[in-house]
Amino acid sequence: MYDDMITAGDDRQIIDAMLDRNRRALIDTARGLGESEARRRLVPSLTTPISLIKHAAAAERIWFQRHWADFDEYDCDGYARRDVGTLYCRRSRDLGRRH
């Protein structure tokens, strides 16, 4: 579990450390899952381990590339729409693929 408080540094250092910790926690949660486990729904929504990874990546793009850097949606390096698509994973996507 990642219960360490991140309080040292300037705002940028704290945000970077927090994002790194949260990315690690999400990846560690999905590490070792097979494809069927990664796509298994345990709640009545689109939430699965693989969809949470996609959603987290899209949320970073939306906030850092679109909101703060003022990129157009199509200039981002992956899915960056503000919709349910951040949770939907096509069958051709697996845990080992980057986008």
PDB file of N, CA and C in Angstrom:
ATOM      1  N   MET A   1       0.847  -1.173   0.000  1.00  0.00           N
ATOM      2  CA  MET A   1       0.000   0.000   0.000  1.00  0.00           C
ATOM      3  C   MET A   1       0.890   1.233   0.000  1.00  0.00           C
ATOM      4  N   TYR A   2       0.437   2.260  -0.647  1.00  0.00           N
ATOM      5  CA  TYR A   2       1.191   3.498  -0.771  1.00  0.00           C
ATOM      6  C   TYR A   2       0.570   4.554   0.132  1.00  0.00           C
ATOM      7  N   ASP A   3       0.927   4.513   1.411  1.00  0.00           N
ATOM      8  CA  ASP A   3       0.342   5.456   2.356  1.00  0.00           C
ATOM      9  C   ASP A   3       1.322   6.560   2.746  1.00  0.00           C
ATOM     10  N   ASP A   4       2.462   6.617   2.054  1.00  0.00           N
ATOM     11  CA  ASP A   4       3.430   7.662   2.352  1.00  0.00           C
ATOM     12  C   ASP A   4       2.899   9.031   1.914  1.00  0.00           C
ATOM     13  N   MET A   5       3.019   9.982   2.800  1.00  0.00           N
ATOM     14  CA  MET A   5       2.576  11.333   2.492  1.00  0.00           C
ATOM     15  C   MET A   5       3.657  12.034   1.659  1.00  0.00           C
ATOM     16  N   ILE A   6       3.232  12.753   0.667  1.00  0.00           N
ATOM     17  CA  ILE A   6       4.158  13.493  -0.184  1.00  0.00           C
ATOM     18  C   ILE A   6       3.972  14.966   0.142  1.00  0.00           C
ATOM     19  N   THR A   7       4.943  15.517   0.881  1.00  0.00           N
ATOM     20  CA  THR A   7       4.807  16.899   1.322  1.00  0.00           C
ATOM     21  C   THR A   7       6.065  17.723   1.078  1.00  0.00           C
ATOM     22  N   ALA A   8       7.149  17.085   0.639  1.00  0.00           N
ATOM     23  CA  ALA A   8       8.405  17.811   0.455  1.00  0.00           C
ATOM     24  C   ALA A   8       8.542  18.295  -0.982  1.00  0.00           C
ATOM     25  N   GLY A   9       9.015  19.525  -1.132  1.00  0.00           N
ATOM     26  CA  GLY A   9       9.269  20.070  -2.456  1.00  0.00           C
ATOM     27  C   GLY A   9       8.293  21.162  -2.827  1.00  0.00           C
ATOM     28  N   ASP A  10       8.525  21.732  -4.012  1.00  0.00           N
ATOM     29  CA  ASP A  10       7.603  22.749  -4.508  1.00  0.00           C
ATOM     30  C   ASP A  10       6.379  22.066  -5.113  1.00  0.00           C
ATOM     31  N   ASP A  11       5.430  22.860  -5.553  1.00  0.00           N
ATOM     32  CA  ASP A  11       4.177  22.292  -6.075  1.00  0.00           C
ATOM     33  C   ASP A  11       4.430  21.271  -7.171  1.00  0.00           C
ATOM     34  N   ARG A  12       5.304  21.586  -8.116  1.00  0.00           N
ATOM     35  CA  ARG A  12       5.581  20.682  -9.239  1.00  0.00           C
ATOM     36  C   ARG A  12       6.162  19.359  -8.756  1.00  0.00           C
ATOM     37  N   GLN A  13       7.098  19.413  -7.813  1.00  0.00           N
ATOM     38  CA  GLN A  13       7.710  18.196  -7.289  1.00  0.00           C
ATOM     39  C   GLN A  13       6.678  17.337  -6.554  1.00  0.00           C
ATOM     40  N   ILE A  14       5.807  17.982  -5.811  1.00  0.00           N
ATOM     41  CA  ILE A  14       4.772  17.246  -5.082  1.00  0.00           C
ATOM     42  C   ILE A  14       3.797  16.584  -6.058  1.00  0.00           C
ATOM     43  N   ILE A  15       3.363  17.312  -7.084  1.00  0.00           N
ATOM     44  CA  ILE A  15       2.455  16.744  -8.082  1.00  0.00           C
ATOM     45  C   ILE A  15       3.111  15.588  -8.824  1.00  0.00           C
ATOM     46  N   ASP A  16       4.364  15.761  -9.243  1.00  0.00           N
ATOM     47  CA  ASP A  16       5.082  14.686  -9.935  1.00  0.00           C
ATOM     48  C   ASP A  16       5.196  13.437  -9.057  1.00  0.00           C
ATOM     49  N   ALA A  17       5.554  13.629  -7.788  1.00  0.00           N
ATOM     50  CA  ALA A  17       5.697  12.489  -6.871  1.00  0.00           C
ATOM     51  C   ALA A  17       4.355  11.799  -6.637  1.00  0.00           C
ATOM     52  N   MET A  18       3.293  12.592  -6.492  1.00  0.00           N
ATOM     53  CA  MET A  18       1.967  12.021  -6.284  1.00  0.00           C
ATOM     54  C   MET A  18       1.525  11.203  -7.510  1.00  0.00           C
ATOM     55  N   LEU A  19       1.740  11.761  -8.702  1.00  0.00           N
ATOM     56  CA  LEU A  19       1.373  11.032  -9.921  1.00  0.00           C
ATOM     57  C   LEU A  19       2.174   9.746 -10.061  1.00  0.00           C
ATOM     58  N   ASP A  20       3.478   9.818  -9.792  1.00  0.00           N
ATOM     59  CA  ASP A  20       4.313   8.617  -9.868  1.00  0.00           C
ATOM     60  C   ASP A  20       3.827   7.548  -8.898  1.00  0.00           C
ATOM     61  N   ARG A  21       3.497   7.955  -7.663  1.00  0.00           N
ATOM     62  CA  ARG A  21       3.005   6.996  -6.666  1.00  0.00           C
ATOM     63  C   ARG A  21       1.692   6.379  -7.107  1.00  0.00           C
ATOM     64  N   ASN A  22       0.770   7.202  -7.619  1.00  0.00           N
ATOM     65  CA  ASN A  22      -0.528   6.686  -8.039  1.00  0.00           C
ATOM     66  C   ASN A  22      -0.412   5.800  -9.268  1.00  0.00           C
ATOM     67  N   ARG A  23       0.463   6.154 -10.204  1.00  0.00           N
ATOM     68  CA  ARG A  23       0.693   5.283 -11.369  1.00  0.00           C
ATOM     69  C   ARG A  23       1.220   3.931 -10.916  1.00  0.00           C
ATOM     70  N   ARG A  24       2.211   3.947 -10.005  1.00  0.00           N
ATOM     71  CA  ARG A  24       2.791   2.694  -9.496  1.00  0.00           C
ATOM     72  C   ARG A  24       1.720   1.829  -8.843  1.00  0.00           C
ATOM     73  N   ALA A  25       0.875   2.442  -8.037  1.00  0.00           N
ATOM     74  CA  ALA A  25      -0.175   1.686  -7.337  1.00  0.00           C
ATOM     75  C   ALA A  25      -1.138   1.048  -8.333  1.00  0.00           C
ATOM     76  N   LEU A  26      -1.524   1.783  -9.353  1.00  0.00           N
ATOM     77  CA  LEU A  26      -2.447   1.250 -10.360  1.00  0.00           C
ATOM     78  C   LEU A  26      -1.804   0.111 -11.144  1.00  0.00           C
ATOM     79  N   ILE A  27      -0.565   0.304 -11.555  1.00  0.00           N
ATOM     80  CA  ILE A  27       0.147  -0.745 -12.297  1.00  0.00           C
ATOM     81  C   ILE A  27       0.355  -1.973 -11.422  1.00  0.00           C
ATOM     82  N   ASP A  28       0.747  -1.773 -10.170  1.00  0.00           N
ATOM     83  CA  ASP A  28       0.947  -2.911  -9.261  1.00  0.00           C
ATOM     84  C   ASP A  28      -0.344  -3.694  -9.058  1.00  0.00           C
ATOM     85  N   THR A  29      -1.477  -3.003  -9.058  1.00  0.00           N
ATOM     86  CA  THR A  29      -2.763  -3.671  -8.899  1.00  0.00           C
ATOM     87  C   THR A  29      -3.073  -4.567 -10.094  1.00  0.00           C
ATOM     88  N   ALA A  30      -2.704  -4.127 -11.285  1.00  0.00           N
ATOM     89  CA  ALA A  30      -3.009  -4.894 -12.499  1.00  0.00           C
ATOM     90  C   ALA A  30      -1.920  -5.905 -12.855  1.00  0.00           C
ATOM     91  N   ARG A  31      -0.746  -5.744 -12.305  1.00  0.00           N
ATOM     92  CA  ARG A  31       0.382  -6.637 -12.631  1.00  0.00           C
ATOM     93  C   ARG A  31       0.017  -8.080 -12.304  1.00  0.00           C
ATOM     94  N   GLY A  32       0.283  -8.959 -13.242  1.00  0.00           N
ATOM     95  CA  GLY A  32       0.035 -10.382 -13.036  1.00  0.00           C
ATOM     96  C   GLY A  32      -1.351 -10.849 -13.432  1.00  0.00           C
ATOM     97  N   LEU A  33      -2.235  -9.916 -13.795  1.00  0.00           N
ATOM     98  CA  LEU A  33      -3.571 -10.318 -14.229  1.00  0.00           C
ATOM     99  C   LEU A  33      -3.527 -10.848 -15.652  1.00  0.00           C
ATOM    100  N   GLY A  34      -4.283 -11.883 -15.923  1.00  0.00           N
ATOM    101  CA  GLY A  34      -4.449 -12.351 -17.284  1.00  0.00           C
ATOM    102  C   GLY A  34      -5.458 -11.464 -18.001  1.00  0.00           C
ATOM    103  N   GLU A  35      -5.606 -11.658 -19.297  1.00  0.00           N
ATOM    104  CA  GLU A  35      -6.539 -10.831 -20.080  1.00  0.00           C
ATOM    105  C   GLU A  35      -7.964 -10.920 -19.565  1.00  0.00           C
ATOM    106  N   SER A  36      -8.432 -12.117 -19.243  1.00  0.00           N
ATOM    107  CA  SER A  36      -9.820 -12.233 -18.772  1.00  0.00           C
ATOM    108  C   SER A  36      -9.997 -11.550 -17.421  1.00  0.00           C
ATOM    109  N   GLU A  37      -9.011 -11.661 -16.544  1.00  0.00           N
ATOM    110  CA  GLU A  37      -9.091 -10.977 -15.254  1.00  0.00           C
ATOM    111  C   GLU A  37      -9.038  -9.460 -15.423  1.00  0.00           C
ATOM    112  N   ALA A  38      -8.234  -8.987 -16.356  1.00  0.00           N
ATOM    113  CA  ALA A  38      -8.094  -7.545 -16.594  1.00  0.00           C
ATOM    114  C   ALA A  38      -9.382  -6.941 -17.144  1.00  0.00           C
ATOM    115  N   ARG A  39     -10.198  -7.755 -17.790  1.00  0.00           N
ATOM    116  CA  ARG A  39     -11.450  -7.265 -18.385  1.00  0.00           C
ATOM    117  C   ARG A  39     -12.691  -7.606 -17.551  1.00  0.00           C
ATOM    118  N   ARG A  40     -12.489  -8.294 -16.464  1.00  0.00           N
ATOM    119  CA  ARG A  40     -13.617  -8.733 -15.640  1.00  0.00           C
ATOM    120  C   ARG A  40     -14.265  -7.553 -14.916  1.00  0.00           C
ATOM    121  N   ARG A  41     -15.572  -7.469 -15.051  1.00  0.00           N
ATOM    122  CA  ARG A  41     -16.339  -6.415 -14.379  1.00  0.00           C
ATOM    123  C   ARG A  41     -16.859  -6.948 -13.053  1.00  0.00           C
ATOM    124  N   LEU A  42     -16.520  -6.245 -11.994  1.00  0.00           N
ATOM    125  CA  LEU A  42     -16.995  -6.622 -10.662  1.00  0.00           C
ATOM    126  C   LEU A  42     -18.098  -5.696 -10.172  1.00  0.00           C
ATOM    127  N   VAL A  43     -18.365  -4.655 -10.958  1.00  0.00           N
ATOM    128  CA  VAL A  43     -19.437  -3.702 -10.650  1.00  0.00           C
ATOM    129  C   VAL A  43     -20.218  -3.465 -11.934  1.00  0.00           C
ATOM    130  N   PRO A  44     -21.477  -3.009 -11.845  1.00  0.00           N
ATOM    131  CA  PRO A  44     -22.293  -2.823 -13.059  1.00  0.00           C
ATOM    132  C   PRO A  44     -21.965  -1.518 -13.807  1.00  0.00           C
ATOM    133  N   SER A  45     -20.721  -1.396 -14.227  1.00  0.00           N
ATOM    134  CA  SER A  45     -20.284  -0.237 -15.002  1.00  0.00           C
ATOM    135  C   SER A  45     -19.185  -0.710 -15.945  1.00  0.00           C
ATOM    136  N   LEU A  46     -18.527   0.204 -16.621  1.00  0.00           N
ATOM    137  CA  LEU A  46     -17.422  -0.157 -17.505  1.00  0.00           C
ATOM    138  C   LEU A  46     -16.104  -0.342 -16.755  1.00  0.00           C
ATOM    139  N   THR A  47     -16.142  -0.266 -15.437  1.00  0.00           N
ATOM    140  CA  THR A  47     -14.930  -0.317 -14.629  1.00  0.00           C
ATOM    141  C   THR A  47     -14.345  -1.726 -14.574  1.00  0.00           C
ATOM    142  N   THR A  48     -13.133  -1.851 -15.084  1.00  0.00           N
ATOM    143  CA  THR A  48     -12.337  -3.070 -15.017  1.00  0.00           C
ATOM    144  C   THR A  48     -10.899  -2.619 -14.760  1.00  0.00           C
ATOM    145  N   PRO A  49     -10.008  -3.516 -14.377  1.00  0.00           N
ATOM    146  CA  PRO A  49      -8.618  -3.081 -14.196  1.00  0.00           C
ATOM    147  C   PRO A  49      -8.028  -2.424 -15.451  1.00  0.00           C
ATOM    148  N   ILE A  50      -8.250  -2.993 -16.614  1.00  0.00           N
ATOM    149  CA  ILE A  50      -7.686  -2.418 -17.834  1.00  0.00           C
ATOM    150  C   ILE A  50      -8.344  -1.069 -18.168  1.00  0.00           C
ATOM    151  N   SER A  51      -9.636  -0.937 -17.878  1.00  0.00           N
ATOM    152  CA  SER A  51     -10.295   0.341 -18.163  1.00  0.00           C
ATOM    153  C   SER A  51      -9.828   1.428 -17.202  1.00  0.00           C
ATOM    154  N   LEU A  52      -9.479   1.066 -15.974  1.00  0.00           N
ATOM    155  CA  LEU A  52      -8.964   2.065 -15.032  1.00  0.00           C
ATOM    156  C   LEU A  52      -7.614   2.604 -15.479  1.00  0.00           C
ATOM    157  N   ILE A  53      -6.785   1.740 -16.053  1.00  0.00           N
ATOM    158  CA  ILE A  53      -5.492   2.196 -16.574  1.00  0.00           C
ATOM    159  C   ILE A  53      -5.715   3.154 -17.736  1.00  0.00           C
ATOM    160  N   LYS A  54      -6.625   2.792 -18.646  1.00  0.00           N
ATOM    161  CA  LYS A  54      -6.921   3.674 -19.774  1.00  0.00           C
ATOM    162  C   LYS A  54      -7.500   4.995 -19.288  1.00  0.00           C
ATOM    163  N   HIS A  55      -8.392   4.933 -18.312  1.00  0.00           N
ATOM    164  CA  HIS A  55      -9.017   6.139 -17.781  1.00  0.00           C
ATOM    165  C   HIS A  55      -7.983   7.057 -17.120  1.00  0.00           C
ATOM    166  N   ALA A  56      -7.071   6.485 -16.360  1.00  0.00           N
ATOM    167  CA  ALA A  56      -6.039   7.291 -15.697  1.00  0.00           C
ATOM    168  C   ALA A  56      -5.146   7.981 -16.725  1.00  0.00           C
ATOM    169  N   ALA A  57      -4.768   7.256 -17.771  1.00  0.00           N
ATOM    170  CA  ALA A  57      -3.938   7.856 -18.829  1.00  0.00           C
ATOM    171  C   ALA A  57      -4.692   8.979 -19.537  1.00  0.00           C
ATOM    172  N   ALA A  58      -5.957   8.756 -19.832  1.00  0.00           N
ATOM    173  CA  ALA A  58      -6.760   9.791 -20.499  1.00  0.00           C
ATOM    174  C   ALA A  58      -6.950  10.999 -19.584  1.00  0.00           C
ATOM    175  N   ALA A  59      -7.154  10.756 -18.299  1.00  0.00           N
ATOM    176  CA  ALA A  59      -7.315  11.874 -17.359  1.00  0.00           C
ATOM    177  C   ALA A  59      -6.058  12.731 -17.316  1.00  0.00           C
ATOM    178  N   GLU A  60      -4.890  12.101 -17.348  1.00  0.00           N
ATOM    179  CA  GLU A  60      -3.649  12.881 -17.389  1.00  0.00           C
ATOM    180  C   GLU A  60      -3.557  13.691 -18.678  1.00  0.00           C
ATOM    181  N   ARG A  61      -3.928  13.095 -19.794  1.00  0.00           N
ATOM    182  CA  ARG A  61      -3.899  13.840 -21.063  1.00  0.00           C
ATOM    183  C   ARG A  61      -4.857  15.021 -21.028  1.00  0.00           C
ATOM    184  N   ILE A  62      -6.062  14.768 -20.520  1.00  0.00           N
ATOM    185  CA  ILE A  62      -7.071  15.829 -20.466  1.00  0.00           C
ATOM    186  C   ILE A  62      -6.566  16.981 -19.596  1.00  0.00           C
ATOM    187  N   TRP A  63      -6.045  16.694 -18.416  1.00  0.00           N
ATOM    188  CA  TRP A  63      -5.605  17.766 -17.517  1.00  0.00           C
ATOM    189  C   TRP A  63      -4.300  18.405 -17.954  1.00  0.00           C
ATOM    190  N   PHE A  64      -3.296  17.599 -18.277  1.00  0.00           N
ATOM    191  CA  PHE A  64      -1.972  18.168 -18.537  1.00  0.00           C
ATOM    192  C   PHE A  64      -1.789  18.638 -19.974  1.00  0.00           C
ATOM    193  N   GLN A  65      -2.312  17.901 -20.929  1.00  0.00           N
ATOM    194  CA  GLN A  65      -2.130  18.298 -22.325  1.00  0.00           C
ATOM    195  C   GLN A  65      -3.229  19.239 -22.793  1.00  0.00           C
ATOM    196  N   ARG A  66      -4.462  18.923 -22.518  1.00  0.00           N
ATOM    197  CA  ARG A  66      -5.561  19.763 -23.021  1.00  0.00           C
ATOM    198  C   ARG A  66      -5.805  20.979 -22.136  1.00  0.00           C
ATOM    199  N   HIS A  67      -5.954  20.758 -20.835  1.00  0.00           N
ATOM    200  CA  HIS A  67      -6.333  21.854 -19.943  1.00  0.00           C
ATOM    201  C   HIS A  67      -5.173  22.830 -19.717  1.00  0.00           C
ATOM    202  N   TRP A  68      -4.025  22.312 -19.276  1.00  0.00           N
ATOM    203  CA  TRP A  68      -2.933  23.216 -18.920  1.00  0.00           C
ATOM    204  C   TRP A  68      -2.070  23.614 -20.110  1.00  0.00           C
ATOM    205  N   ALA A  69      -1.792  22.694 -21.031  1.00  0.00           N
ATOM    206  CA  ALA A  69      -0.959  23.029 -22.189  1.00  0.00           C
ATOM    207  C   ALA A  69      -1.795  23.564 -23.348  1.00  0.00           C
ATOM    208  N   ASP A  70      -3.118  23.519 -23.214  1.00  0.00           N
ATOM    209  CA  ASP A  70      -4.053  24.039 -24.214  1.00  0.00           C
ATOM    210  C   ASP A  70      -3.911  23.352 -25.575  1.00  0.00           C
ATOM    211  N   PHE A  71      -3.618  22.043 -25.551  1.00  0.00           N
ATOM    212  CA  PHE A  71      -3.571  21.264 -26.790  1.00  0.00           C
ATOM    213  C   PHE A  71      -4.991  20.998 -27.265  1.00  0.00           C
ATOM    214  N   ASP A  72      -5.155  20.879 -28.567  1.00  0.00           N
ATOM    215  CA  ASP A  72      -6.399  20.379 -29.129  1.00  0.00           C
ATOM    216  C   ASP A  72      -6.467  18.878 -28.850  1.00  0.00           C
ATOM    217  N   GLU A  73      -7.654  18.353 -28.740  1.00  0.00           N
ATOM    218  CA  GLU A  73      -7.838  16.918 -28.479  1.00  0.00           C
ATOM    219  C   GLU A  73      -7.005  16.051 -29.421  1.00  0.00           C
ATOM    220  N   TYR A  74      -6.921  16.449 -30.677  1.00  0.00           N
ATOM    221  CA  TYR A  74      -6.228  15.632 -31.685  1.00  0.00           C
ATOM    222  C   TYR A  74      -4.714  15.801 -31.647  1.00  0.00           C
ATOM    223  N   ASP A  75      -4.212  16.752 -30.865  1.00  0.00           N
ATOM    224  CA  ASP A  75      -2.770  16.942 -30.721  1.00  0.00           C
ATOM    225  C   ASP A  75      -2.197  16.145 -29.557  1.00  0.00           C
ATOM    226  N   CYS A  76      -3.065  15.545 -28.762  1.00  0.00           N
ATOM    227  CA  CYS A  76      -2.618  14.764 -27.612  1.00  0.00           C
ATOM    228  C   CYS A  76      -2.048  13.425 -28.077  1.00  0.00           C
ATOM    229  N   ASP A  77      -1.269  12.796 -27.209  1.00  0.00           N
ATOM    230  CA  ASP A  77      -0.607  11.546 -27.590  1.00  0.00           C
ATOM    231  C   ASP A  77      -1.437  10.293 -27.309  1.00  0.00           C
ATOM    232  N   GLY A  78      -2.734  10.432 -27.271  1.00  0.00           N
ATOM    233  CA  GLY A  78      -3.642   9.312 -27.060  1.00  0.00           C
ATOM    234  C   GLY A  78      -5.049   9.830 -26.833  1.00  0.00           C
ATOM    235  N   TYR A  79      -5.936   8.952 -26.433  1.00  0.00           N
ATOM    236  CA  TYR A  79      -7.341   9.304 -26.225  1.00  0.00           C
ATOM    237  C   TYR A  79      -7.440  10.415 -25.186  1.00  0.00           C
ATOM    238  N   ALA A  80      -8.124  11.509 -25.535  1.00  0.00           N
ATOM    239  CA  ALA A  80      -8.204  12.653 -24.616  1.00  0.00           C
ATOM    240  C   ALA A  80      -9.560  13.340 -24.666  1.00  0.00           C
ATOM    241  N   ARG A  81     -10.603  12.590 -24.946  1.00  0.00           N
ATOM    242  CA  ARG A  81     -11.949  13.169 -24.922  1.00  0.00           C
ATOM    243  C   ARG A  81     -12.516  13.090 -23.515  1.00  0.00           C
ATOM    244  N   ARG A  82     -13.379  14.009 -23.209  1.00  0.00           N
ATOM    245  CA  ARG A  82     -14.029  14.006 -21.886  1.00  0.00           C
ATOM    246  C   ARG A  82     -15.345  13.245 -21.989  1.00  0.00           C
ATOM    247  N   ASP A  83     -15.265  11.919 -22.107  1.00  0.00           N
ATOM    248  CA  ASP A  83     -16.472  11.107 -22.231  1.00  0.00           C
ATOM    249  C   ASP A  83     -16.228   9.703 -21.698  1.00  0.00           C
ATOM    250  N   VAL A  84     -17.228   8.855 -21.811  1.00  0.00           N
ATOM    251  CA  VAL A  84     -17.153   7.490 -21.302  1.00  0.00           C
ATOM    252  C   VAL A  84     -16.100   6.659 -22.044  1.00  0.00           C
ATOM    253  N   GLY A  85     -15.632   7.140 -23.175  1.00  0.00           N
ATOM    254  CA  GLY A  85     -14.596   6.439 -23.922  1.00  0.00           C
ATOM    255  C   GLY A  85     -13.306   6.269 -23.147  1.00  0.00           C
ATOM    256  N   THR A  86     -13.115   7.071 -22.095  1.00  0.00           N
ATOM    257  CA  THR A  86     -11.912   6.893 -21.285  1.00  0.00           C
ATOM    258  C   THR A  86     -11.931   5.573 -20.532  1.00  0.00           C
ATOM    259  N   LEU A  87     -13.097   4.938 -20.432  1.00  0.00           N
ATOM    260  CA  LEU A  87     -13.205   3.650 -19.749  1.00  0.00           C
ATOM    261  C   LEU A  87     -13.386   2.471 -20.702  1.00  0.00           C
ATOM    262  N   TYR A  88     -13.767   2.724 -21.933  1.00  0.00           N
ATOM    263  CA  TYR A  88     -14.055   1.637 -22.869  1.00  0.00           C
ATOM    264  C   TYR A  88     -12.769   1.128 -23.507  1.00  0.00           C
ATOM    265  N   CYS A  89     -12.558  -0.184 -23.453  1.00  0.00           N
ATOM    266  CA  CYS A  89     -11.365  -0.804 -24.053  1.00  0.00           C
ATOM    267  C   CYS A  89     -11.777  -1.815 -25.103  1.00  0.00           C
ATOM    268  N   ARG A  90     -11.320  -1.580 -26.315  1.00  0.00           N
ATOM    269  CA  ARG A  90     -11.587  -2.542 -27.393  1.00  0.00           C
ATOM    270  C   ARG A  90     -10.887  -3.862 -27.097  1.00  0.00           C
ATOM    271  N   ARG A  91     -11.385  -4.923 -27.684  1.00  0.00           N
ATOM    272  CA  ARG A  91     -10.780  -6.247 -27.498  1.00  0.00           C
ATOM    273  C   ARG A  91      -9.354  -6.294 -28.011  1.00  0.00           C
ATOM    274  N   SER A  92      -9.006  -5.433 -28.968  1.00  0.00           N
ATOM    275  CA  SER A  92      -7.653  -5.436 -29.520  1.00  0.00           C
ATOM    276  C   SER A  92      -6.651  -4.812 -28.565  1.00  0.00           C
ATOM    277  N   ARG A  93      -7.123  -4.183 -27.500  1.00  0.00           N
ATOM    278  CA  ARG A  93      -6.223  -3.595 -26.498  1.00  0.00           C
ATOM    279  C   ARG A  93      -5.984  -4.606 -25.401  1.00  0.00           C
ATOM    280  N   ASP A  94      -4.739  -4.708 -24.970  1.00  0.00           N
ATOM    281  CA  ASP A  94      -4.450  -5.577 -23.857  1.00  0.00           C
ATOM    282  C   ASP A  94      -3.526  -4.847 -22.876  1.00  0.00           C
ATOM    283  N   LEU A  95      -3.229  -5.471 -21.770  1.00  0.00           N
ATOM    284  CA  LEU A  95      -2.424  -4.811 -20.740  1.00  0.00           C
ATOM    285  C   LEU A  95      -1.012  -4.488 -21.209  1.00  0.00           C
ATOM    286  N   GLY A  96      -0.545  -5.166 -22.223  1.00  0.00           N
ATOM    287  CA  GLY A  96       0.811  -4.939 -22.697  1.00  0.00           C
ATOM    288  C   GLY A  96       0.961  -3.850 -23.730  1.00  0.00           C
ATOM    289  N   ARG A  97      -0.136  -3.311 -24.237  1.00  0.00           N
ATOM    290  CA  ARG A  97      -0.079  -2.276 -25.276  1.00  0.00           C
ATOM    291  C   ARG A  97      -0.100  -0.903 -24.671  1.00  0.00           C
ATOM    292  N   ARG A  98       0.612   0.018 -25.271  1.00  0.00           N
ATOM    293  CA  ARG A  98       0.761   1.364 -24.725  1.00  0.00           C
ATOM    294  C   ARG A  98      -0.502   2.199 -24.902  1.00  0.00           C
ATOM    295  N   HIS A  99      -1.134   2.237 -26.063  1.00  0.00           N
ATOM    296  CA  HIS A  99      -2.304   3.107 -26.297  1.00  0.00           C
ATOM    297  C   HIS A  99      -3.512   2.270 -26.621  1.00  0.00           C
TER     298      HIS A  99
END
